[in-house]
Amino acid sequence: MRRRSHRALLVSAAALAAAFLGLAPVGPSGAADRVSGSAARPDRVVIIVVDALSREIVDRYGMSNVRALMDQGAASPKGYLGHLGSVTVVTHNVLTTGLLPKHMGWVEEGYRDVDQVLAGQGANESDLWVTSDWTRDQMFAVQNHVGYPHLADYLHTFRPGSTVVTVSPKAYAAWAFGGSGSDSIVTFSSRSYDCDGDGVNNWRGPTGVNVPKYLSEPVCGRWYVDSSSSLTYDTLLSPARMYPLDGNRYTAGTDPAHQGSDVWAADAAIAAMDNEDWSGIFVTLPGVDKAAHMWGSVDDPGGPDPQTHLANAAAVADAQVGKIIDHLRDSGELDNTLVVLTADHGSVPARSFHGVDDGTSGRGFNNWYYGTLENGTYTSPQPDLAPLMATGNISMSYSDSMLSTWLADTSPESTAAVVEAMRGLPGVSAVWVRDGDRFRLASTVRWDLMARDGERAWFGRHARELVDTMAAESGPDVIGTLVDDTTYSVAGDHGGIQRRSQQIPIVFAGGGVGSRDLSQPVRSVDVMPTVLNRLGIAATYPMDGRAWQLPSAR
């Protein structure tokens, strides 16, 4: 059911700050940002998240449709993600709540269930969870426990009777992006269908929340894709084998009648536009992220099958962005629709790699996770974490382009031992210990490990700001920030403070938005209040982001 009246009508903290500082207000006041030449504001919003799309990838791979949207709308050249963890399962929730991770219930791929929200639902008694493996109901339970609205909830009040549809091939991104207020959430099922008649259920179809029949019927029709575990293309080669493909879930594939990944998501979003009286369409395109993880991000050397590599993934994603914008324009809805194009994080090539690539398919998961957890057991940490494990105090760790640890014993003496072990690990730039709603620096900063090409300046400006966004009881107790181009997981990753992980496109277009760059450093947390402001919707819950004034078309 849609969540509405049980929320107290609170004045947005962002609105008060905006009014005091002279910024664009959150709410219906301020007629200056109305569509030029019309009394009407846009009455709907499309948010496109290209998973792992850094500004560097846009430029390197010539993503012309993305670039055109940046040129035609209001882009933020100084914009950045603005929070940790810089991971999919976190940012999709940030985008449609306007909350920093520390205020939204979880902050990272790991989660300590302090309030026993998920008590009795796990396999162990650790109260530690992998958030990207949560079920739909588990994620909704954590969201609803905190009690904030999502953008879908606001849109229902703004346009009663309208529909909000969320589409993502990644289930956990879909649950976070839409929240329980999204009318339909469409993602991929498990391998539940035998659509090729080989006697094996190795195809995926649409599942989720209230999946409409135009996206589910006929069974084995367009919306069903081959996800055979043997359909790996060239991804059993190193380094992709650490996180290989399993069919056409995260790549489009070569069957034009059953394309998956970004094509599937964009086609489903367009089908929703054609069949619904919609006020919100939220869509995730995951192909760039998968290719970047497998092949080392911008260091992808190419390979025997271009299908799986970053150049192709960028081209496919770019084509889908163009297809969605063309459809809005051709249907006459672009002027009525605020379009947001962004990413959930960037991508860091592992030029300094501290995981294990031992020839085992899927080894990346044991590089990422350690611990006996409620929804998974991972007990083969990489050797470079041995000093940390030797403390005997690590209940859970998550390692990507940052190191996050949940401790069994947080006494000063035991925490100090973990700090001492972590500060000596390869590539660690600094160690931080959670102290209430902030992190304190617990080691010297290794400026000597940082390049002079701006890495030091970036760390100085943003490190403390970023680590503090994940200071919550559910989150890690001790973290280690890593220097540029360093991962402990797979060949390309994200998660930390590095510029390549943080510098993403944030673009507002359509809906009467003019063509002018925003001079402000817009962050992901600012997307929600800026959308509300543009649509003239008053916030009823405090947000951490601020609403930026968007230029109007002339």
Protein backbone atom coordinates (compact mmCIF):
# COMPACT_ATOMS: atom_id res chain seq x y z
CA MET A 1 0.00 0.00 0.00
CA ARG A 2 1.07 3.58 -0.53
CA ARG A 3 2.39 5.30 2.56
CA ARG A 4 0.92 8.77 3.08
CA SER A 5 -0.97 10.22 6.00
CA HIS A 6 0.93 8.56 8.85
CA ARG A 7 3.94 10.82 8.24
CA ALA A 8 4.07 14.07 10.21
CA LEU A 9 4.07 17.16 8.04
CA LEU A 10 7.48 18.52 8.87
CA VAL A 11 9.17 21.57 7.45
CA SER A 12 12.13 20.43 5.40
CA ALA A 13 15.47 21.26 6.94
CA ALA A 14 16.71 21.75 3.40
CA ALA A 15 13.96 24.31 2.78
CA LEU A 16 14.89 26.31 5.86
CA ALA A 17 18.55 26.28 4.90
CA ALA A 18 17.68 27.25 1.35
CA ALA A 19 15.57 30.18 2.49
CA PHE A 20 18.28 31.39 4.87
CA LEU A 21 21.02 31.14 2.28
CA GLY A 22 18.99 32.54 -0.58
CA LEU A 23 18.93 29.27 -2.51
CA ALA A 24 16.04 27.82 -4.50
CA PRO A 25 13.23 26.89 -2.10
CA VAL A 26 11.89 23.39 -1.65
CA GLY A 27 8.20 23.78 -2.33
CA PRO A 28 5.73 25.44 -4.64
CA SER A 29 6.86 29.01 -4.06
CA GLY A 30 9.25 30.76 -6.42
CA ALA A 31 7.55 31.21 -9.77
CA ALA A 32 10.83 32.21 -11.44
CA ASP A 33 11.66 28.58 -12.23
CA ARG A 34 8.40 27.84 -14.02
CA VAL A 35 8.58 26.66 -17.61
CA SER A 36 9.32 29.67 -19.78
CA GLY A 37 6.27 30.83 -21.71
CA SER A 38 3.92 28.58 -19.74
CA ALA A 39 2.23 28.68 -16.35
CA ALA A 40 2.64 24.92 -15.99
CA ARG A 41 5.50 23.11 -14.34
CA PRO A 42 6.46 19.61 -15.50
CA ASP A 43 4.03 17.08 -14.09
CA ARG A 44 6.22 13.97 -14.22
CA VAL A 45 9.81 12.86 -13.80
CA VAL A 46 12.08 10.25 -15.39
CA ILE A 47 15.26 9.31 -13.54
CA ILE A 48 17.83 7.34 -15.55
CA VAL A 49 20.71 5.84 -13.58
CA VAL A 50 23.56 4.49 -15.70
CA ASP A 51 25.26 2.23 -13.20
CA ALA A 52 28.99 3.10 -12.72
CA LEU A 53 28.97 5.91 -15.27
CA SER A 54 31.79 8.30 -14.44
CA ARG A 55 32.27 11.51 -16.39
CA GLU A 56 35.54 9.98 -17.56
CA ILE A 57 33.67 7.07 -19.19
CA VAL A 58 31.25 9.46 -20.91
CA ASP A 59 34.16 11.28 -22.55
CA ARG A 60 36.45 8.32 -23.24
CA TYR A 61 33.82 6.26 -25.00
CA GLY A 62 32.14 9.07 -26.88
CA MET A 63 28.67 8.71 -25.39
CA SER A 64 27.02 11.18 -27.73
CA ASN A 65 23.45 10.90 -26.41
CA VAL A 66 24.56 11.43 -22.85
CA ARG A 67 26.71 14.35 -23.96
CA ALA A 68 23.81 15.84 -25.94
CA LEU A 69 21.58 15.70 -22.86
CA MET A 70 24.32 17.40 -20.85
CA ASP A 71 24.58 20.12 -23.49
CA GLN A 72 20.81 20.60 -23.83
CA GLY A 73 20.05 20.62 -20.11
CA ALA A 74 21.58 21.73 -16.84
CA ALA A 75 24.66 19.68 -16.03
CA SER A 76 26.93 20.03 -13.01
CA PRO A 77 30.58 19.88 -14.13
CA LYS A 78 31.65 20.14 -10.47
CA GLY A 79 29.06 17.64 -9.31
CA TYR A 80 29.99 14.49 -7.45
CA LEU A 81 28.37 11.58 -5.66
CA GLY A 82 28.92 13.11 -2.23
CA HIS A 83 28.55 10.10 0.06
CA LEU A 84 29.85 6.71 1.15
CA GLY A 85 29.50 3.88 0.50
CA SER A 86 29.63 4.72 -3.15
CA VAL A 87 27.72 1.59 -4.07
CA THR A 88 24.52 0.74 -5.94
CA VAL A 89 22.47 -0.44 -2.98
CA VAL A 90 23.08 2.85 -1.17
CA THR A 91 22.87 5.48 -3.91
CA HIS A 92 19.59 4.34 -5.44
CA ASN A 93 17.96 5.02 -2.06
CA VAL A 94 19.76 8.36 -1.67
CA LEU A 95 18.47 9.56 -5.03
CA THR A 96 14.78 9.16 -4.24
CA THR A 97 14.85 10.19 -0.57
CA GLY A 98 17.27 13.12 -0.39
CA LEU A 99 18.90 11.51 2.64
CA LEU A 100 22.52 10.77 3.33
CA PRO A 101 23.25 7.11 4.06
CA LYS A 102 23.69 7.77 7.78
CA HIS A 103 20.03 8.81 8.00
CA MET A 104 18.35 6.23 5.77
CA GLY A 105 18.87 2.94 7.63
CA TRP A 106 21.96 1.44 5.97
CA VAL A 107 25.20 2.93 4.72
CA GLU A 108 27.13 0.20 2.96
CA GLU A 109 27.01 -3.32 1.56
CA GLY A 110 27.21 -4.45 5.19
CA TYR A 111 24.58 -3.80 7.86
CA ARG A 112 24.42 -4.34 11.59
CA ASP A 113 20.81 -4.83 12.69
CA VAL A 114 21.03 -2.68 15.81
CA ASP A 115 17.26 -2.28 16.15
CA GLN A 116 16.46 -5.93 15.37
CA VAL A 117 14.36 -4.94 12.37
CA LEU A 118 15.14 -8.26 10.67
CA ALA A 119 15.32 -10.39 13.79
CA GLY A 120 14.69 -14.07 13.19
CA GLN A 121 14.97 -13.84 9.41
CA GLY A 122 18.60 -14.82 9.02
CA ALA A 123 20.58 -18.04 9.00
CA ASN A 124 22.85 -17.18 11.93
CA GLU A 125 22.78 -15.03 15.06
CA SER A 126 25.30 -12.43 13.98
CA ASP A 127 22.80 -9.62 13.17
CA LEU A 128 25.10 -8.81 10.23
CA TRP A 129 23.74 -8.71 6.70
CA VAL A 130 24.77 -8.14 3.09
CA THR A 131 22.36 -5.40 2.00
CA SER A 132 22.55 -6.19 -1.71
CA ASP A 133 21.25 -9.68 -0.90
CA TRP A 134 18.22 -8.45 1.00
CA THR A 135 14.84 -9.58 -0.21
CA ARG A 136 12.29 -7.00 -1.22
CA ASP A 137 10.46 -7.27 2.10
CA GLN A 138 13.67 -6.97 4.10
CA MET A 139 14.70 -3.75 2.38
CA PHE A 140 11.21 -2.31 2.68
CA ALA A 141 11.21 -3.19 6.39
CA VAL A 142 14.42 -1.22 6.99
CA GLN A 143 13.16 1.74 4.94
CA ASN A 144 9.81 1.79 6.74
CA HIS A 145 11.44 1.39 10.14
CA VAL A 146 13.13 4.75 9.67
CA GLY A 147 9.89 6.12 8.22
CA TYR A 148 10.90 8.51 5.45
CA PRO A 149 9.00 9.01 2.18
CA HIS A 150 10.37 8.18 -1.25
CA LEU A 151 9.83 10.26 -4.35
CA ALA A 152 7.07 7.83 -5.36
CA ASP A 153 5.07 8.81 -2.28
CA TYR A 154 5.31 12.51 -3.13
CA LEU A 155 4.29 11.88 -6.73
CA HIS A 156 1.14 10.06 -5.64
CA THR A 157 0.09 13.04 -3.54
CA PHE A 158 1.08 15.44 -6.31
CA ARG A 159 -0.93 13.57 -8.96
CA PRO A 160 -3.48 11.32 -7.25
CA GLY A 161 -4.21 8.21 -9.27
CA SER A 162 -1.02 8.41 -11.29
CA THR A 163 1.42 5.51 -11.52
CA VAL A 164 5.09 5.27 -10.57
CA VAL A 165 7.07 2.47 -12.24
CA THR A 166 10.58 1.37 -11.30
CA VAL A 167 12.63 -0.84 -13.65
CA SER A 168 16.03 -2.36 -12.88
CA PRO A 169 17.61 -5.68 -13.85
CA LYS A 170 19.28 -5.51 -10.41
CA ALA A 171 16.68 -6.38 -7.81
CA TYR A 172 18.31 -4.60 -4.88
CA ALA A 173 18.64 -1.43 -6.93
CA ALA A 174 14.95 -1.67 -7.81
CA TRP A 175 13.81 -2.07 -4.19
CA ALA A 176 15.96 0.86 -3.06
CA PHE A 177 15.07 3.12 -6.01
CA GLY A 178 11.30 2.68 -5.86
CA GLY A 179 10.63 1.95 -2.21
CA SER A 180 7.38 0.39 -1.14
CA GLY A 181 5.42 3.33 -2.60
CA SER A 182 6.29 2.51 -6.21
CA ASP A 183 3.18 1.06 -7.88
CA SER A 184 5.16 -1.36 -10.01
CA ILE A 185 8.71 -2.53 -9.54
CA VAL A 186 10.05 -4.68 -12.36
CA THR A 187 13.25 -6.69 -12.14
CA PHE A 188 14.51 -10.10 -13.21
CA SER A 189 13.37 -13.34 -11.64
CA SER A 190 15.62 -16.23 -10.76
CA ARG A 191 16.20 -18.84 -13.48
CA SER A 192 12.60 -20.03 -13.53
CA TYR A 193 11.74 -20.63 -17.19
CA ASP A 194 12.65 -23.10 -19.92
CA CYS A 195 12.14 -20.90 -22.96
CA ASP A 196 14.50 -22.75 -25.28
CA GLY A 197 13.06 -26.21 -24.72
CA ASP A 198 16.23 -27.82 -23.44
CA GLY A 199 14.56 -29.14 -20.30
CA VAL A 200 16.40 -26.74 -18.00
CA ASN A 201 15.03 -23.65 -16.30
CA ASN A 202 17.78 -21.26 -17.36
CA TRP A 203 15.82 -18.20 -18.49
CA ARG A 204 14.81 -15.19 -16.40
CA GLY A 205 11.58 -13.27 -16.70
CA PRO A 206 10.05 -10.20 -15.11
CA THR A 207 9.18 -10.26 -11.41
CA GLY A 208 8.87 -7.75 -8.61
CA VAL A 209 5.87 -5.77 -7.38
CA ASN A 210 2.64 -5.58 -9.38
CA VAL A 211 4.34 -6.47 -12.66
CA PRO A 212 1.87 -5.44 -15.40
CA LYS A 213 0.74 -8.00 -17.95
CA TYR A 214 2.18 -5.99 -20.82
CA LEU A 215 5.59 -6.77 -19.25
CA SER A 216 4.96 -10.39 -18.33
CA GLU A 217 2.87 -11.92 -21.11
CA PRO A 218 3.20 -13.99 -23.11
CA VAL A 219 5.49 -16.18 -21.03
CA CYS A 220 8.78 -16.63 -22.90
CA GLY A 221 7.99 -13.57 -25.01
CA ARG A 222 10.11 -10.45 -25.41
CA TRP A 223 10.61 -9.86 -21.66
CA TYR A 224 12.32 -13.23 -21.03
CA VAL A 225 16.08 -13.62 -21.50
CA ASP A 226 18.53 -16.49 -21.65
CA SER A 227 20.49 -16.52 -18.39
CA SER A 228 22.21 -19.87 -18.69
CA SER A 229 25.23 -20.14 -16.40
CA SER A 230 27.13 -21.53 -19.37
CA LEU A 231 26.49 -18.40 -21.42
CA THR A 232 29.60 -16.56 -20.28
CA TYR A 233 30.97 -15.27 -23.61
CA ASP A 234 34.66 -14.54 -22.91
CA THR A 235 34.25 -13.75 -19.21
CA LEU A 236 35.89 -16.92 -17.90
CA LEU A 237 39.16 -15.29 -18.88
CA SER A 238 41.15 -13.34 -16.30
CA PRO A 239 40.29 -10.93 -14.75
CA ALA A 240 36.59 -11.13 -15.67
CA ARG A 241 36.32 -14.64 -14.22
CA MET A 242 36.28 -13.15 -10.71
CA TYR A 243 32.78 -11.78 -11.52
CA PRO A 244 31.70 -13.42 -14.79
CA LEU A 245 28.49 -13.07 -16.76
CA ASP A 246 25.63 -15.52 -16.31
CA GLY A 247 23.82 -15.03 -19.58
CA ASN A 248 22.06 -11.90 -20.75
CA ARG A 249 21.02 -10.42 -17.45
CA TYR A 250 23.74 -7.76 -17.51
CA THR A 251 24.60 -7.73 -21.20
CA ALA A 252 22.17 -7.32 -24.08
CA GLY A 253 23.17 -10.54 -25.82
CA THR A 254 22.90 -11.43 -29.48
CA ASP A 255 19.27 -12.56 -29.69
CA PRO A 256 17.33 -9.53 -31.01
CA ALA A 257 14.03 -10.96 -29.74
CA HIS A 258 15.24 -11.36 -26.16
CA GLN A 259 17.80 -8.64 -25.43
CA GLY A 260 18.60 -8.20 -21.76
CA SER A 261 20.35 -5.69 -19.51
CA ASP A 262 20.10 -2.04 -20.59
CA VAL A 263 17.96 -2.74 -23.66
CA TRP A 264 15.49 -4.73 -21.56
CA ALA A 265 15.28 -1.98 -18.95
CA ALA A 266 14.85 0.87 -21.46
CA ASP A 267 12.23 -1.06 -23.44
CA ALA A 268 10.30 -1.83 -20.26
CA ALA A 269 10.41 1.83 -19.20
CA ILE A 270 9.05 2.90 -22.60
CA ALA A 271 6.33 0.26 -22.42
CA ALA A 272 5.28 1.71 -19.07
CA MET A 273 5.15 5.20 -20.59
CA ASP A 274 2.88 3.88 -23.33
CA ASN A 275 0.54 1.97 -21.03
CA GLU A 276 0.26 3.99 -17.83
CA ASP A 277 -0.95 7.38 -16.65
CA TRP A 278 2.44 7.86 -15.08
CA SER A 279 4.03 10.51 -12.93
CA GLY A 280 7.37 8.78 -12.35
CA ILE A 281 9.58 6.34 -14.25
CA PHE A 282 12.80 5.26 -12.52
CA VAL A 283 15.13 3.10 -14.61
CA THR A 284 18.58 1.62 -14.03
CA LEU A 285 20.94 0.58 -16.85
CA PRO A 286 23.48 -1.90 -15.36
CA GLY A 287 25.68 -2.88 -18.31
CA VAL A 288 28.51 -0.38 -17.82
CA ASP A 289 28.94 -1.46 -14.22
CA LYS A 290 29.20 -5.15 -15.08
CA ALA A 291 31.77 -4.58 -17.81
CA ALA A 292 33.80 -2.22 -15.63
CA HIS A 293 33.91 -4.73 -12.77
CA MET A 294 34.97 -7.57 -15.04
CA TRP A 295 37.60 -5.90 -17.18
CA GLY A 296 39.17 -3.13 -15.13
CA SER A 297 37.04 -0.10 -15.91
CA VAL A 298 38.79 2.34 -18.26
CA ASP A 299 41.75 -0.06 -18.46
CA ASP A 300 39.59 -2.66 -20.26
CA PRO A 301 41.91 -4.06 -22.96
CA GLY A 302 39.10 -5.47 -25.12
CA GLY A 303 38.88 -9.13 -25.90
CA PRO A 304 37.71 -11.89 -28.19
CA ASP A 305 34.02 -11.07 -27.68
CA PRO A 306 33.26 -7.33 -27.73
CA GLN A 307 29.80 -8.06 -26.26
CA THR A 308 31.15 -8.12 -22.70
CA HIS A 309 33.54 -5.17 -22.78
CA LEU A 310 33.23 -1.58 -21.64
CA ALA A 311 33.28 0.01 -25.08
CA ASN A 312 30.21 -1.99 -26.09
CA ALA A 313 28.50 -1.50 -22.73
CA ALA A 314 28.96 2.27 -22.99
CA ALA A 315 27.60 2.29 -26.55
CA VAL A 316 24.55 0.23 -25.56
CA ALA A 317 23.81 2.41 -22.53
CA ASP A 318 24.20 5.55 -24.61
CA ALA A 319 21.77 4.23 -27.21
CA GLN A 320 19.18 3.52 -24.51
CA VAL A 321 19.45 7.04 -23.12
CA GLY A 322 18.87 8.37 -26.63
CA LYS A 323 15.94 5.99 -27.14
CA ILE A 324 14.18 7.11 -23.95
CA ILE A 325 14.65 10.80 -24.74
CA ASP A 326 13.50 10.31 -28.34
CA HIS A 327 10.39 8.53 -27.12
CA LEU A 328 9.52 11.35 -24.74
CA ARG A 329 10.04 13.86 -27.53
CA ASP A 330 8.09 11.87 -30.14
CA SER A 331 5.18 11.33 -27.74
CA GLY A 332 5.03 15.04 -26.94
CA GLU A 333 5.91 14.52 -23.29
CA LEU A 334 9.47 15.86 -23.08
CA ASP A 335 8.38 19.42 -22.24
CA ASN A 336 6.17 18.04 -19.45
CA THR A 337 8.83 15.69 -18.07
CA LEU A 338 11.79 16.54 -15.87
CA VAL A 339 14.55 14.13 -16.87
CA VAL A 340 17.39 13.35 -14.49
CA LEU A 341 20.42 11.48 -15.81
CA THR A 342 23.00 10.38 -13.31
CA ALA A 343 24.99 7.42 -11.94
CA ASP A 344 25.08 5.59 -8.64
CA HIS A 345 28.90 5.74 -8.47
CA GLY A 346 31.88 5.87 -10.78
CA SER A 347 34.50 3.24 -11.52
CA VAL A 348 38.06 2.69 -10.30
CA PRO A 349 40.55 0.56 -12.29
CA ALA A 350 42.56 -1.81 -10.09
CA ARG A 351 46.04 -0.72 -11.11
CA SER A 352 47.00 -1.78 -7.60
CA PHE A 353 45.07 -4.99 -6.92
CA HIS A 354 44.97 -6.70 -3.53
CA GLY A 355 42.36 -9.37 -4.04
CA VAL A 356 42.77 -12.93 -5.27
CA ASP A 357 42.35 -14.07 -8.86
CA ASP A 358 43.09 -17.78 -8.52
CA GLY A 359 41.18 -19.06 -11.53
CA THR A 360 38.04 -19.73 -9.54
CA SER A 361 34.91 -18.41 -11.19
CA GLY A 362 33.21 -15.91 -8.89
CA ARG A 363 36.18 -15.50 -6.54
CA GLY A 364 35.31 -11.80 -6.32
CA PHE A 365 32.58 -12.48 -3.77
CA ASN A 366 35.13 -13.81 -1.28
CA ASN A 367 37.28 -10.78 -2.01
CA TRP A 368 34.38 -8.46 -1.25
CA TYR A 369 32.89 -10.12 1.83
CA TYR A 370 34.14 -11.73 5.01
CA GLY A 371 32.08 -13.09 7.89
CA THR A 372 29.46 -15.57 9.01
CA LEU A 373 26.48 -13.44 8.11
CA GLU A 374 22.71 -13.75 8.26
CA ASN A 375 22.43 -14.12 4.47
CA GLY A 376 25.78 -15.57 3.47
CA THR A 377 29.02 -17.07 4.75
CA TYR A 378 32.38 -15.90 3.44
CA THR A 379 35.46 -17.30 5.12
CA SER A 380 38.26 -17.01 2.54
CA PRO A 381 39.65 -13.49 2.84
CA GLN A 382 42.47 -12.38 0.60
CA PRO A 383 46.02 -12.69 2.02
CA ASP A 384 46.56 -8.93 2.03
CA LEU A 385 43.89 -8.70 4.76
CA ALA A 386 45.72 -11.23 6.97
CA PRO A 387 47.01 -8.68 9.51
CA LEU A 388 43.45 -7.44 9.97
CA MET A 389 42.06 -10.94 10.41
CA ALA A 390 44.84 -11.78 12.84
CA THR A 391 43.35 -9.34 15.37
CA GLY A 392 40.51 -11.83 15.85
CA ASN A 393 38.13 -8.90 16.10
CA ILE A 394 36.58 -8.75 12.62
CA SER A 395 32.96 -9.89 12.60
CA MET A 396 32.40 -8.64 9.07
CA SER A 397 34.40 -6.85 6.43
CA TYR A 398 33.53 -5.42 3.05
CA SER A 399 36.40 -4.56 0.72
CA ASP A 400 36.15 -2.71 -2.59
CA SER A 401 37.93 0.61 -3.22
CA MET A 402 37.62 1.14 0.53
CA LEU A 403 37.95 -1.18 3.53
CA SER A 404 35.01 -1.40 5.94
CA THR A 405 35.01 -3.47 9.13
CA TRP A 406 32.41 -4.32 11.77
CA LEU A 407 34.10 -5.26 15.05
CA ALA A 408 33.17 -7.86 17.64
CA ASP A 409 34.73 -5.74 20.39
CA THR A 410 34.71 -1.94 20.13
CA SER A 411 36.59 -1.27 23.36
CA PRO A 412 39.38 1.32 22.91
CA GLU A 413 42.14 -1.28 23.24
CA SER A 414 40.62 -3.72 20.75
CA THR A 415 39.73 -0.96 18.29
CA ALA A 416 43.28 0.38 18.49
CA ALA A 417 44.63 -3.02 17.49
CA VAL A 418 42.44 -3.02 14.39
CA VAL A 419 43.54 0.52 13.54
CA GLU A 420 47.18 -0.50 13.86
CA ALA A 421 46.66 -3.50 11.57
CA MET A 422 44.67 -1.54 8.99
CA ARG A 423 47.06 1.39 8.70
CA GLY A 424 49.79 -0.99 7.53
CA LEU A 425 47.75 -2.57 4.75
CA PRO A 426 48.74 -1.82 1.13
CA GLY A 427 47.22 1.31 -0.34
CA VAL A 428 45.56 2.60 2.84
CA SER A 429 45.63 6.40 2.87
CA ALA A 430 44.05 6.84 6.31
CA VAL A 431 42.17 4.93 9.00
CA TRP A 432 38.95 6.27 10.51
CA VAL A 433 37.01 5.18 13.62
CA ARG A 434 33.32 5.85 14.04
CA ASP A 435 32.55 8.18 16.92
CA GLY A 436 28.79 8.72 17.13
CA ASP A 437 27.57 10.51 13.99
CA ARG A 438 31.05 11.19 12.61
CA PHE A 439 34.36 9.46 12.00
CA ARG A 440 37.55 10.57 13.66
CA LEU A 441 40.89 10.25 11.93
CA ALA A 442 42.77 7.52 13.80
CA SER A 443 46.03 7.39 11.85
CA THR A 444 48.40 9.68 10.05
CA VAL A 445 47.39 10.50 6.50
CA ARG A 446 49.68 8.87 3.95
CA TRP A 447 50.13 11.91 1.73
CA ASP A 448 53.28 10.25 0.41
CA LEU A 449 51.19 7.56 -1.28
CA MET A 450 49.02 10.09 -3.12
CA ALA A 451 49.77 11.53 -6.53
CA ARG A 452 50.30 15.25 -7.03
CA ASP A 453 47.83 15.41 -9.94
CA GLY A 454 44.98 16.47 -7.69
CA GLU A 455 44.61 13.36 -5.54
CA ARG A 456 46.01 15.13 -2.48
CA ALA A 457 43.78 18.16 -3.01
CA TRP A 458 40.71 15.95 -3.45
CA PHE A 459 41.48 14.08 -0.24
CA GLY A 460 41.99 17.33 1.64
CA ARG A 461 38.69 18.79 0.43
CA HIS A 462 36.43 15.76 0.60
CA ALA A 463 37.74 12.84 2.70
CA ARG A 464 36.25 13.87 6.03
CA GLU A 465 33.01 15.09 4.46
CA LEU A 466 32.55 11.77 2.67
CA VAL A 467 33.40 9.39 5.50
CA ASP A 468 31.05 11.23 7.87
CA THR A 469 28.09 10.50 5.57
CA MET A 470 28.26 6.82 6.59
CA ALA A 471 28.63 7.31 10.35
CA ALA A 472 25.73 5.28 11.74
CA GLU A 473 25.38 2.44 14.23
CA SER A 474 24.38 0.04 11.46
CA GLY A 475 27.59 0.81 9.59
CA PRO A 476 31.24 -0.08 9.98
CA ASP A 477 33.25 0.71 13.10
CA VAL A 478 36.62 1.18 11.39
CA ILE A 479 37.25 2.08 7.76
CA GLY A 480 40.33 2.46 5.65
CA THR A 481 40.29 4.88 2.75
CA LEU A 482 42.44 3.79 -0.19
CA VAL A 483 44.57 5.74 -2.62
CA ASP A 484 43.60 6.15 -6.26
CA ASP A 485 43.27 3.14 -8.57
CA THR A 486 43.41 0.62 -5.72
CA THR A 487 40.94 -2.19 -5.02
CA TYR A 488 40.82 -5.30 -2.86
CA SER A 489 38.03 -6.98 -4.80
CA VAL A 490 37.84 -7.19 -8.61
CA ALA A 491 39.53 -5.61 -11.61
CA GLY A 492 37.30 -2.53 -11.56
CA ASP A 493 35.37 -1.32 -8.56
CA HIS A 494 34.06 1.61 -6.52
CA GLY A 495 32.86 2.22 -2.98
CA GLY A 496 35.37 4.75 -1.71
CA ILE A 497 36.39 8.39 -1.82
CA GLN A 498 38.50 8.29 -4.98
CA ARG A 499 37.75 10.84 -7.69
CA ARG A 500 36.99 8.11 -10.19
CA SER A 501 34.43 6.68 -7.79
CA GLN A 502 32.87 10.06 -6.99
CA GLN A 503 32.95 12.16 -10.18
CA ILE A 504 29.70 11.28 -11.92
CA PRO A 505 27.36 13.10 -14.31
CA ILE A 506 24.34 14.81 -12.74
CA VAL A 507 22.07 16.28 -15.41
CA PHE A 508 18.60 17.84 -15.35
CA ALA A 509 16.84 18.23 -18.71
CA GLY A 510 13.41 18.40 -20.32
CA GLY A 511 10.54 19.95 -18.39
CA GLY A 512 11.43 23.47 -19.50
CA VAL A 513 14.99 23.27 -18.15
CA GLY A 514 17.38 25.53 -20.03
CA SER A 515 20.80 24.78 -21.44
CA ARG A 516 23.24 26.10 -18.88
CA ASP A 517 25.80 24.40 -16.68
CA LEU A 518 25.20 24.58 -12.95
CA SER A 519 28.14 26.22 -11.24
CA GLN A 520 27.36 24.52 -7.95
CA PRO A 521 28.85 21.15 -6.91
CA VAL A 522 25.58 19.22 -7.03
CA ARG A 523 25.55 15.90 -5.16
CA SER A 524 23.37 12.82 -5.46
CA VAL A 525 21.54 13.75 -2.26
CA ASP A 526 20.48 17.02 -3.94
CA VAL A 527 18.56 15.26 -6.73
CA MET A 528 15.41 14.61 -4.69
CA PRO A 529 14.92 18.15 -3.32
CA THR A 530 15.74 19.65 -6.72
CA VAL A 531 13.13 17.44 -8.39
CA LEU A 532 10.52 18.35 -5.79
CA ASN A 533 11.29 22.02 -6.23
CA ARG A 534 11.03 21.86 -10.00
CA LEU A 535 7.68 20.09 -9.84
CA GLY A 536 6.40 22.46 -7.16
CA ILE A 537 5.99 19.80 -4.48
CA ALA A 538 6.39 20.80 -0.84
CA ALA A 539 8.59 18.49 1.22
CA THR A 540 7.02 16.97 4.33
CA TYR A 541 10.11 15.29 5.75
CA PRO A 542 13.59 16.70 6.49
CA MET A 543 16.16 16.03 3.77
CA ASP A 544 19.94 16.32 3.78
CA GLY A 545 20.15 17.56 0.20
CA ARG A 546 19.45 21.04 -1.07
CA ALA A 547 17.28 22.18 -3.95
CA TRP A 548 19.25 23.91 -6.67
CA GLN A 549 17.68 26.49 -8.95
CA LEU A 550 17.50 25.10 -12.48
CA PRO A 551 17.70 27.45 -15.47
CA SER A 552 14.56 27.84 -17.54
CA ALA A 553 14.46 27.41 -21.29
CA ARG A 554 14.17 30.64 -23.25
